C-alpha atoms as a PDB file:
ATOM      1  CA  UNK A   1      64.539 129.176  62.641  1.00  0.00           C
ATOM      2  CA  UNK A   2      68.041 127.850  61.920  1.00  0.00           C
ATOM      3  CA  UNK A   3      70.133 128.461  58.861  1.00  0.00           C
ATOM      4  CA  UNK A   4      71.791 125.579  56.943  1.00  0.00           C
ATOM      5  CA  UNK A   5      75.233 126.550  58.234  1.00  0.00           C
ATOM      6  CA  UNK A   6      74.166 126.921  61.860  1.00  0.00           C
ATOM      7  CA  UNK A   7      76.298 125.008  64.358  1.00  0.00           C
ATOM      8  CA  UNK A   8      74.866 121.570  65.080  1.00  0.00           C
ATOM      9  CA  UNK A   9      74.879 120.127  68.602  1.00  0.00           C
ATOM     10  CA  UNK A  10      77.675 117.644  69.343  1.00  0.00           C
ATOM     11  CA  UNK A  11      76.511 114.053  69.640  1.00  0.00           C
ATOM     12  CA  UNK A  12      78.544 112.709  72.560  1.00  0.00           C
ATOM     13  CA  UNK A  13      77.819 109.072  71.708  1.00  0.00           C
ATOM     14  CA  UNK A  14      79.061 109.578  68.140  1.00  0.00           C
ATOM     15  CA  UNK A  15      82.266 111.208  69.379  1.00  0.00           C
ATOM     16  CA  UNK A  16      82.854 108.373  71.856  1.00  0.00           C
ATOM     17  CA  UNK A  17      82.338 105.709  69.183  1.00  0.00           C
ATOM     18  CA  UNK A  18      84.733 107.500  66.841  1.00  0.00           C
ATOM     19  CA  UNK A  19      87.377 107.575  69.569  1.00  0.00           C
ATOM     20  CA  UNK A  20      87.008 103.839  70.167  1.00  0.00           C
ATOM     21  CA  UNK A  21      87.562 103.142  66.464  1.00  0.00           C
ATOM     22  CA  UNK A  22      90.810 105.094  66.449  1.00  0.00           C
ATOM     23  CA  UNK A  23      94.013 103.105  66.115  1.00  0.00           C
ATOM     24  CA  UNK A  24      95.343 102.863  69.712  1.00  0.00           C
ATOM     25  CA  UNK A  25      98.908 103.113  68.385  1.00  0.00           C
ATOM     26  CA  UNK A  26      98.226 106.364  66.529  1.00  0.00           C
ATOM     27  CA  UNK A  27     100.064 108.573  68.997  1.00  0.00           C
ATOM     28  CA  UNK A  28     100.994 112.276  68.877  1.00  0.00           C
ATOM     29  CA  UNK A  29     104.408 113.748  68.111  1.00  0.00           C
ATOM     30  CA  UNK A  30     105.867 114.677  71.499  1.00  0.00           C
ATOM     31  CA  UNK A  31     109.443 115.364  70.417  1.00  0.00           C
ATOM     32  CA  UNK A  32     109.105 119.100  71.091  1.00  0.00           C
ATOM     33  CA  UNK A  33     107.798 118.798  74.656  1.00  0.00           C
ATOM     34  CA  UNK A  34     109.927 119.875  77.603  1.00  0.00           C
ATOM     35  CA  UNK A  35     110.012 117.106  80.217  1.00  0.00           C
ATOM     36  CA  UNK A  36     110.489 118.078  83.851  1.00  0.00           C
ATOM     37  CA  UNK A  37     111.491 115.497  86.462  1.00  0.00           C
ATOM     38  CA  UNK A  38     110.682 116.316  90.086  1.00  0.00           C
ATOM     39  CA  UNK A  39     112.962 114.240  92.242  1.00  0.00           C
ATOM     40  CA  UNK A  40     115.449 114.173  89.398  1.00  0.00           C
ATOM     41  CA  UNK A  41     118.405 113.810  91.747  1.00  0.00           C
ATOM     42  CA  UNK A  42     117.209 110.380  92.949  1.00  0.00           C
ATOM     43  CA  UNK A  43     118.019 107.157  91.117  1.00  0.00           C
ATOM     44  CA  UNK A  44     114.694 106.786  89.293  1.00  0.00           C
ATOM     45  CA  UNK A  45     114.490 110.465  88.407  1.00  0.00           C
ATOM     46  CA  UNK A  46     118.076 110.581  87.152  1.00  0.00           C
ATOM     47  CA  UNK A  47     117.488 107.475  85.065  1.00  0.00           C
ATOM     48  CA  UNK A  48     114.351 108.837  83.428  1.00  0.00           C
ATOM     49  CA  UNK A  49     115.995 112.226  82.808  1.00  0.00           C
ATOM     50  CA  UNK A  50     118.975 110.514  81.182  1.00  0.00           C
ATOM     51  CA  UNK A  51     116.841 108.305  78.911  1.00  0.00           C
ATOM     52  CA  UNK A  52     114.564 111.113  77.746  1.00  0.00           C
ATOM     53  CA  UNK A  53     117.459 113.453  77.086  1.00  0.00           C
ATOM     54  CA  UNK A  54     119.286 110.703  75.202  1.00  0.00           C
ATOM     55  CA  UNK A  55     116.125 110.257  73.095  1.00  0.00           C
ATOM     56  CA  UNK A  56     116.218 113.946  72.176  1.00  0.00           C
ATOM     57  CA  UNK A  57     113.758 115.495  74.642  1.00  0.00           C
ATOM     58  CA  UNK A  58     114.564 118.762  76.375  1.00  0.00           C
ATOM     59  CA  UNK A  59     114.804 117.782  80.065  1.00  0.00           C
ATOM     60  CA  UNK A  60     114.853 119.818  83.271  1.00  0.00           C
ATOM     61  CA  UNK A  61     115.686 118.163  86.596  1.00  0.00           C
ATOM     62  CA  UNK A  62     113.951 119.549  89.665  1.00  0.00           C
ATOM     63  CA  UNK A  63     115.019 119.388  93.294  1.00  0.00           C
ATOM     64  CA  UNK A  64     114.224 121.241  96.509  1.00  0.00           C
ATOM     65  CA  UNK A  65     117.708 122.738  96.181  1.00  0.00           C
ATOM     66  CA  UNK A  66     118.538 124.202  92.780  1.00  0.00           C
ATOM     67  CA  UNK A  67     122.248 123.558  93.355  1.00  0.00           C
ATOM     68  CA  UNK A  68     121.676 119.825  93.783  1.00  0.00           C
ATOM     69  CA  UNK A  69     119.642 119.717  90.604  1.00  0.00           C
ATOM     70  CA  UNK A  70     122.292 121.619  88.685  1.00  0.00           C
ATOM     71  CA  UNK A  71     125.008 119.279  89.940  1.00  0.00           C
ATOM     72  CA  UNK A  72     123.021 116.203  88.873  1.00  0.00           C
ATOM     73  CA  UNK A  73     122.274 117.773  85.489  1.00  0.00           C
ATOM     74  CA  UNK A  74     125.942 118.509  84.939  1.00  0.00           C
ATOM     75  CA  UNK A  75     126.870 114.913  85.751  1.00  0.00           C
ATOM     76  CA  UNK A  76     124.298 113.571  83.288  1.00  0.00           C
ATOM     77  CA  UNK A  77     125.118 115.994  80.462  1.00  0.00           C
ATOM     78  CA  UNK A  78     123.046 115.720  77.252  1.00  0.00           C
ATOM     79  CA  UNK A  79     121.855 119.305  77.637  1.00  0.00           C
ATOM     80  CA  UNK A  80     119.876 118.516  80.797  1.00  0.00           C
ATOM     81  CA  UNK A  81     119.237 121.535  83.013  1.00  0.00           C
ATOM     82  CA  UNK A  82     118.808 121.662  86.778  1.00  0.00           C
ATOM     83  CA  UNK A  83     116.462 123.965  88.690  1.00  0.00           C
ATOM     84  CA  UNK A  84     114.480 124.309  91.888  1.00  0.00           C
ATOM     85  CA  UNK A  85     111.249 122.298  91.824  1.00  0.00           C
ATOM     86  CA  UNK A  86     109.006 125.310  91.241  1.00  0.00           C
ATOM     87  CA  UNK A  87     111.095 126.560  88.311  1.00  0.00           C
ATOM     88  CA  UNK A  88     111.261 123.064  86.843  1.00  0.00           C
ATOM     89  CA  UNK A  89     107.467 122.687  87.029  1.00  0.00           C
ATOM     90  CA  UNK A  90     106.864 126.148  85.592  1.00  0.00           C
ATOM     91  CA  UNK A  91     109.151 125.668  82.580  1.00  0.00           C
ATOM     92  CA  UNK A  92     108.080 122.122  81.639  1.00  0.00           C
ATOM     93  CA  UNK A  93     105.214 120.937  79.435  1.00  0.00           C
ATOM     94  CA  UNK A  94     105.032 117.505  81.062  1.00  0.00           C
ATOM     95  CA  UNK A  95     106.198 116.860  84.622  1.00  0.00           C
ATOM     96  CA  UNK A  96     107.212 113.463  85.999  1.00  0.00           C
ATOM     97  CA  UNK A  97     106.860 113.031  89.759  1.00  0.00           C
ATOM     98  CA  UNK A  98     109.663 110.756  90.972  1.00  0.00           C
ATOM     99  CA  UNK A  99     109.994 111.933  94.565  1.00  0.00           C
ATOM    100  CA  UNK A 100     110.151 109.613  97.612  1.00  0.00           C
ATOM    101  CA  UNK A 101     106.711 108.564  98.834  1.00  0.00           C
ATOM    102  CA  UNK A 102     107.353 110.206 102.189  1.00  0.00           C
ATOM    103  CA  UNK A 103     107.575 113.636 100.552  1.00  0.00           C
ATOM    104  CA  UNK A 104     104.964 113.096  97.833  1.00  0.00           C
ATOM    105  CA  UNK A 105     102.036 115.040  99.277  1.00  0.00           C
ATOM    106  CA  UNK A 106     104.114 117.923 100.610  1.00  0.00           C
ATOM    107  CA  UNK A 107     105.947 118.393  97.310  1.00  0.00           C
ATOM    108  CA  UNK A 108     102.797 118.401  95.185  1.00  0.00           C
ATOM    109  CA  UNK A 109     100.882 120.693  97.535  1.00  0.00           C
ATOM    110  CA  UNK A 110     103.687 123.241  97.307  1.00  0.00           C
ATOM    111  CA  UNK A 111     103.621 123.169  93.478  1.00  0.00           C
ATOM    112  CA  UNK A 112      99.871 123.338  92.853  1.00  0.00           C
ATOM    113  CA  UNK A 113     100.056 126.684  91.042  1.00  0.00           C
ATOM    114  CA  UNK A 114     103.103 125.777  88.932  1.00  0.00           C
ATOM    115  CA  UNK A 115     101.575 122.442  87.865  1.00  0.00           C
ATOM    116  CA  UNK A 116      98.145 123.843  86.944  1.00  0.00           C
ATOM    117  CA  UNK A 117      97.195 122.878  83.404  1.00  0.00           C
ATOM    118  CA  UNK A 118     100.212 120.560  83.000  1.00  0.00           C
ATOM    119  CA  UNK A 119     100.257 116.832  82.301  1.00  0.00           C
ATOM    120  CA  UNK A 120     101.630 115.329  85.509  1.00  0.00           C
ATOM    121  CA  UNK A 121     102.983 111.768  85.345  1.00  0.00           C
ATOM    122  CA  UNK A 122     103.117 110.171  88.784  1.00  0.00           C
ATOM    123  CA  UNK A 123     105.529 107.228  89.015  1.00  0.00           C
ATOM    124  CA  UNK A 124     105.736 107.007  92.797  1.00  0.00           C
ATOM    125  CA  UNK A 125     105.347 103.598  94.440  1.00  0.00           C
ATOM    126  CA  UNK A 126     104.145 103.666  98.074  1.00  0.00           C
ATOM    127  CA  UNK A 127     106.139 100.821  99.591  1.00  0.00           C
ATOM    128  CA  UNK A 128     107.177  99.650 103.022  1.00  0.00           C
ATOM    129  CA  UNK A 129     110.086  97.366 103.901  1.00  0.00           C
ATOM    130  CA  UNK A 130     110.625  94.939 106.753  1.00  0.00           C
ATOM    131  CA  UNK A 131     112.570  91.721 107.400  1.00  0.00           C
ATOM    132  CA  UNK A 132     110.274  89.885 104.966  1.00  0.00           C
ATOM    133  CA  UNK A 133     110.987  92.319 102.138  1.00  0.00           C
ATOM    134  CA  UNK A 134     108.978  94.943 100.277  1.00  0.00           C
ATOM    135  CA  UNK A 135     105.224  95.337 100.694  1.00  0.00           C
ATOM    136  CA  UNK A 136     102.663  97.722  99.246  1.00  0.00           C
ATOM    137  CA  UNK A 137     101.143 100.587 101.202  1.00  0.00           C
ATOM    138  CA  UNK A 138      97.659 101.873 100.403  1.00  0.00           C
ATOM    139  CA  UNK A 139      97.213 105.658 100.706  1.00  0.00           C
ATOM    140  CA  UNK A 140      93.920 107.006 102.002  1.00  0.00           C
ATOM    141  CA  UNK A 141      93.102 108.248  98.487  1.00  0.00           C
ATOM    142  CA  UNK A 142      93.673 104.748  97.061  1.00  0.00           C
ATOM    143  CA  UNK A 143      97.058 105.261  95.381  1.00  0.00           C
ATOM    144  CA  UNK A 144      99.843 107.786  94.953  1.00  0.00           C
ATOM    145  CA  UNK A 145      98.352 108.809  91.610  1.00  0.00           C
ATOM    146  CA  UNK A 146      94.918 109.410  93.145  1.00  0.00           C
ATOM    147  CA  UNK A 147      96.539 111.419  95.911  1.00  0.00           C
ATOM    148  CA  UNK A 148      98.236 113.519  93.229  1.00  0.00           C
ATOM    149  CA  UNK A 149      94.917 114.059  91.454  1.00  0.00           C
ATOM    150  CA  UNK A 150      93.283 115.163  94.716  1.00  0.00           C
ATOM    151  CA  UNK A 151      96.098 117.595  95.491  1.00  0.00           C
ATOM    152  CA  UNK A 152      96.327 118.944  91.929  1.00  0.00           C
ATOM    153  CA  UNK A 153      92.720 119.541  90.815  1.00  0.00           C
ATOM    154  CA  UNK A 154      93.804 121.844  87.973  1.00  0.00           C
ATOM    155  CA  UNK A 155      96.432 119.445  86.596  1.00  0.00           C
ATOM    156  CA  UNK A 156      96.011 116.535  84.171  1.00  0.00           C
ATOM    157  CA  UNK A 157      97.273 113.700  86.349  1.00  0.00           C
ATOM    158  CA  UNK A 158      98.367 110.392  84.833  1.00  0.00           C
ATOM    159  CA  UNK A 159     100.385 107.463  86.173  1.00  0.00           C
ATOM    160  CA  UNK A 160     103.244 105.614  84.444  1.00  0.00           C
ATOM    161  CA  UNK A 161     106.899 104.476  84.621  1.00  0.00           C
ATOM    162  CA  UNK A 162     106.458 102.506  87.872  1.00  0.00           C
ATOM    163  CA  UNK A 163     108.158  99.247  86.889  1.00  0.00           C
ATOM    164  CA  UNK A 164     111.468 100.460  85.472  1.00  0.00           C
ATOM    165  CA  UNK A 165     114.850  99.479  86.853  1.00  0.00           C
ATOM    166  CA  UNK A 166     116.769 102.558  87.935  1.00  0.00           C
ATOM    167  CA  UNK A 167     119.980 100.590  87.378  1.00  0.00           C
ATOM    168  CA  UNK A 168     119.164  99.907  83.723  1.00  0.00           C
ATOM    169  CA  UNK A 169     117.866 103.433  83.144  1.00  0.00           C
ATOM    170  CA  UNK A 170     121.184 104.896  84.271  1.00  0.00           C
ATOM    171  CA  UNK A 171     123.454 102.383  82.508  1.00  0.00           C
ATOM    172  CA  UNK A 172     125.020 103.957  79.372  1.00  0.00           C
ATOM    173  CA  UNK A 173     125.943 100.499  78.061  1.00  0.00           C
ATOM    174  CA  UNK A 174     122.242  99.486  77.996  1.00  0.00           C
ATOM    175  CA  UNK A 175     121.082 100.573  74.564  1.00  0.00           C
ATOM    176  CA  UNK A 176     117.433  99.515  74.964  1.00  0.00           C
ATOM    177  CA  UNK A 177     115.037  99.202  77.892  1.00  0.00           C
ATOM    178  CA  UNK A 178     112.949  96.243  76.780  1.00  0.00           C
ATOM    179  CA  UNK A 179     109.766  96.649  78.793  1.00  0.00           C
ATOM    180  CA  UNK A 180     106.191  97.879  78.632  1.00  0.00           C
ATOM    181  CA  UNK A 181     104.980 100.865  80.639  1.00  0.00           C
ATOM    182  CA  UNK A 182     101.486 100.728  82.117  1.00  0.00           C
ATOM    183  CA  UNK A 183      99.824 104.120  81.535  1.00  0.00           C
ATOM    184  CA  UNK A 184      96.740 105.237  83.477  1.00  0.00           C
ATOM    185  CA  UNK A 185      94.669 108.386  83.324  1.00  0.00           C
ATOM    186  CA  UNK A 186      91.271 109.936  82.884  1.00  0.00           C
ATOM    187  CA  UNK A 187      91.631 111.533  79.422  1.00  0.00           C
ATOM    188  CA  UNK A 188      92.745 109.706  76.304  1.00  0.00           C
ATOM    189  CA  UNK A 189      94.545 112.756  74.957  1.00  0.00           C
ATOM    190  CA  UNK A 190      96.720 112.781  78.084  1.00  0.00           C
ATOM    191  CA  UNK A 191      97.472 109.054  78.191  1.00  0.00           C
ATOM    192  CA  UNK A 192      98.302 109.166  74.469  1.00  0.00           C
ATOM    193  CA  UNK A 193     100.965 111.787  75.202  1.00  0.00           C
ATOM    194  CA  UNK A 194     102.432 109.632  77.974  1.00  0.00           C
ATOM    195  CA  UNK A 195     102.422 106.538  75.752  1.00  0.00           C
ATOM    196  CA  UNK A 196     104.160 108.527  73.029  1.00  0.00           C
ATOM    197  CA  UNK A 197     106.810 109.702  75.490  1.00  0.00           C
ATOM    198  CA  UNK A 198     107.442 106.118  76.618  1.00  0.00           C
ATOM    199  CA  UNK A 199     107.904 105.095  72.989  1.00  0.00           C
ATOM    200  CA  UNK A 200     110.672 107.688  72.612  1.00  0.00           C
ATOM    201  CA  UNK A 201     112.941 105.425  74.692  1.00  0.00           C
ATOM    202  CA  UNK A 202     114.294 102.547  72.545  1.00  0.00           C
ATOM    203  CA  UNK A 203     112.755  99.202  73.475  1.00  0.00           C
ATOM    204  CA  UNK A 204     110.004 100.756  75.562  1.00  0.00           C
ATOM    205  CA  UNK A 205     106.269 100.824  74.850  1.00  0.00           C
ATOM    206  CA  UNK A 206     103.428 102.561  76.662  1.00  0.00           C
ATOM    207  CA  UNK A 207     100.240 100.514  77.105  1.00  0.00           C
ATOM    208  CA  UNK A 208      96.983 102.050  78.321  1.00  0.00           C
ATOM    209  CA  UNK A 209      95.977 100.249  81.530  1.00  0.00           C
ATOM    210  CA  UNK A 210      92.831 102.015  82.727  1.00  0.00           C
ATOM    211  CA  UNK A 211      91.781 104.994  84.796  1.00  0.00           C
ATOM    212  CA  UNK A 212      93.480 106.276  87.923  1.00  0.00           C
ATOM    213  CA  UNK A 213      91.232 104.164  90.151  1.00  0.00           C
ATOM    214  CA  UNK A 214      93.310 101.193  88.936  1.00  0.00           C
ATOM    215  CA  UNK A 215      96.645 102.768  89.855  1.00  0.00           C
ATOM    216  CA  UNK A 216      96.990 101.010  93.216  1.00  0.00           C
ATOM    217  CA  UNK A 217      97.448  97.589  91.596  1.00  0.00           C
ATOM    218  CA  UNK A 218     100.092  98.966  89.245  1.00  0.00           C
ATOM    219  CA  UNK A 219     101.993 100.722  92.029  1.00  0.00           C
ATOM    220  CA  UNK A 220     101.749  97.660  94.297  1.00  0.00           C
ATOM    221  CA  UNK A 221     103.212  95.298  91.700  1.00  0.00           C
ATOM    222  CA  UNK A 222     106.594  96.905  92.292  1.00  0.00           C
ATOM    223  CA  UNK A 223     106.778  95.045  95.614  1.00  0.00           C
ATOM    224  CA  UNK A 224     106.566  91.789  93.658  1.00  0.00           C
ATOM    225  CA  UNK A 225     109.242  92.930  91.216  1.00  0.00           C
ATOM    226  CA  UNK A 226     111.543  93.765  94.125  1.00  0.00           C
ATOM    227  CA  UNK A 227     111.165  90.142  95.291  1.00  0.00           C
ATOM    228  CA  UNK A 228     111.803  88.838  91.759  1.00  0.00           C
ATOM    229  CA  UNK A 229     114.926  90.939  91.399  1.00  0.00           C
ATOM    230  CA  UNK A 230     116.324  89.904  94.776  1.00  0.00           C
ATOM    231  CA  UNK A 231     115.789  86.194  94.160  1.00  0.00           C
ATOM    232  CA  UNK A 232     117.144  86.143  90.596  1.00  0.00           C
ATOM    233  CA  UNK A 233     119.644  89.035  90.858  1.00  0.00           C
ATOM    234  CA  UNK A 234     117.856  90.655  87.935  1.00  0.00           C
ATOM    235  CA  UNK A 235     116.359  93.962  86.794  1.00  0.00           C
ATOM    236  CA  UNK A 236     112.941  92.633  85.811  1.00  0.00           C
ATOM    237  CA  UNK A 237     110.306  94.628  83.935  1.00  0.00           C
ATOM    238  CA  UNK A 238     106.934  93.788  82.369  1.00  0.00           C
ATOM    239  CA  UNK A 239     105.656  92.788  78.933  1.00  0.00           C
ATOM    240  CA  UNK A 240     101.954  92.756  77.997  1.00  0.00           C
ATOM    241  CA  UNK A 241     101.218  90.042  75.435  1.00  0.00           C
ATOM    242  CA  UNK A 242      98.798  89.990  72.493  1.00  0.00           C
ATOM    243  CA  UNK A 243      98.562  93.785  72.051  1.00  0.00           C
END
C-alpha cells in the first residue's frame, strides 16, 4: 500500500515532451565557469582564450610545457593563467580541446582522469593539405569529437567552435565575431552550457546542430571555408538563417 506522499515513478515520455517545449534560447548563466583551453598556445586556442577572458570568463591556458602556457598567458593578459595540460584540465569546469589533430588522441588519453566529469568541447578539425588545398580526413571513430568521446568515457564530450577565424579571434580591433557556432552533443544540459558560452562573445551565437554522430560534417566544412578564405582573402564564418 502506498501513501499519498509516496514518490511517484518518473514518466520519461512526459519529461521528454517538457524538454521539447522549453525555449531553446533559455540558456544557463555560465559567467562563473572556469574555461580551460588545451592547446592554448596555438592560434585557435589563443584566440578563444582571449575572447573568453575579454568576455569576463576565468581562463586557463594549457600546454605540454607549463612555461610555454605561462608565456602565452602573459602575452594575452586579461587575467589569463598558464599551466601544464593536466593542471589546466584539473582546475577548469569546461575544457576546450584545440590541439593539433596529430596529437589529439595522445593528449586526451593522457588526461582521462583529469577530464572525468568535465564538459569537454572538442573543436579540432581533422584536415589534410596537398597541392589542391585543404581536404577533410575521416577518423576511424567517425570524427574528432567521436574519438574524444571514445577516449573519455567519463567526460561529457561536446563539439563546437570549429568554424572560427583564428585571425579575427586574436585581433583586438575586432569588437564582434559575427558568426554562428554549431554545437553538438548527447545531452541537452551540456550543449546548453556550450551555447551559453558562445553567446558570451559579442556577435557570436551557439546553435544546436545534432548529436556527435553528425560532427564529421561540421568538422569537414572547415576545408570548404579554407577554400573560401583563400579565394576571397577573407575570414569567413557561418550564419544559420530562420532560427
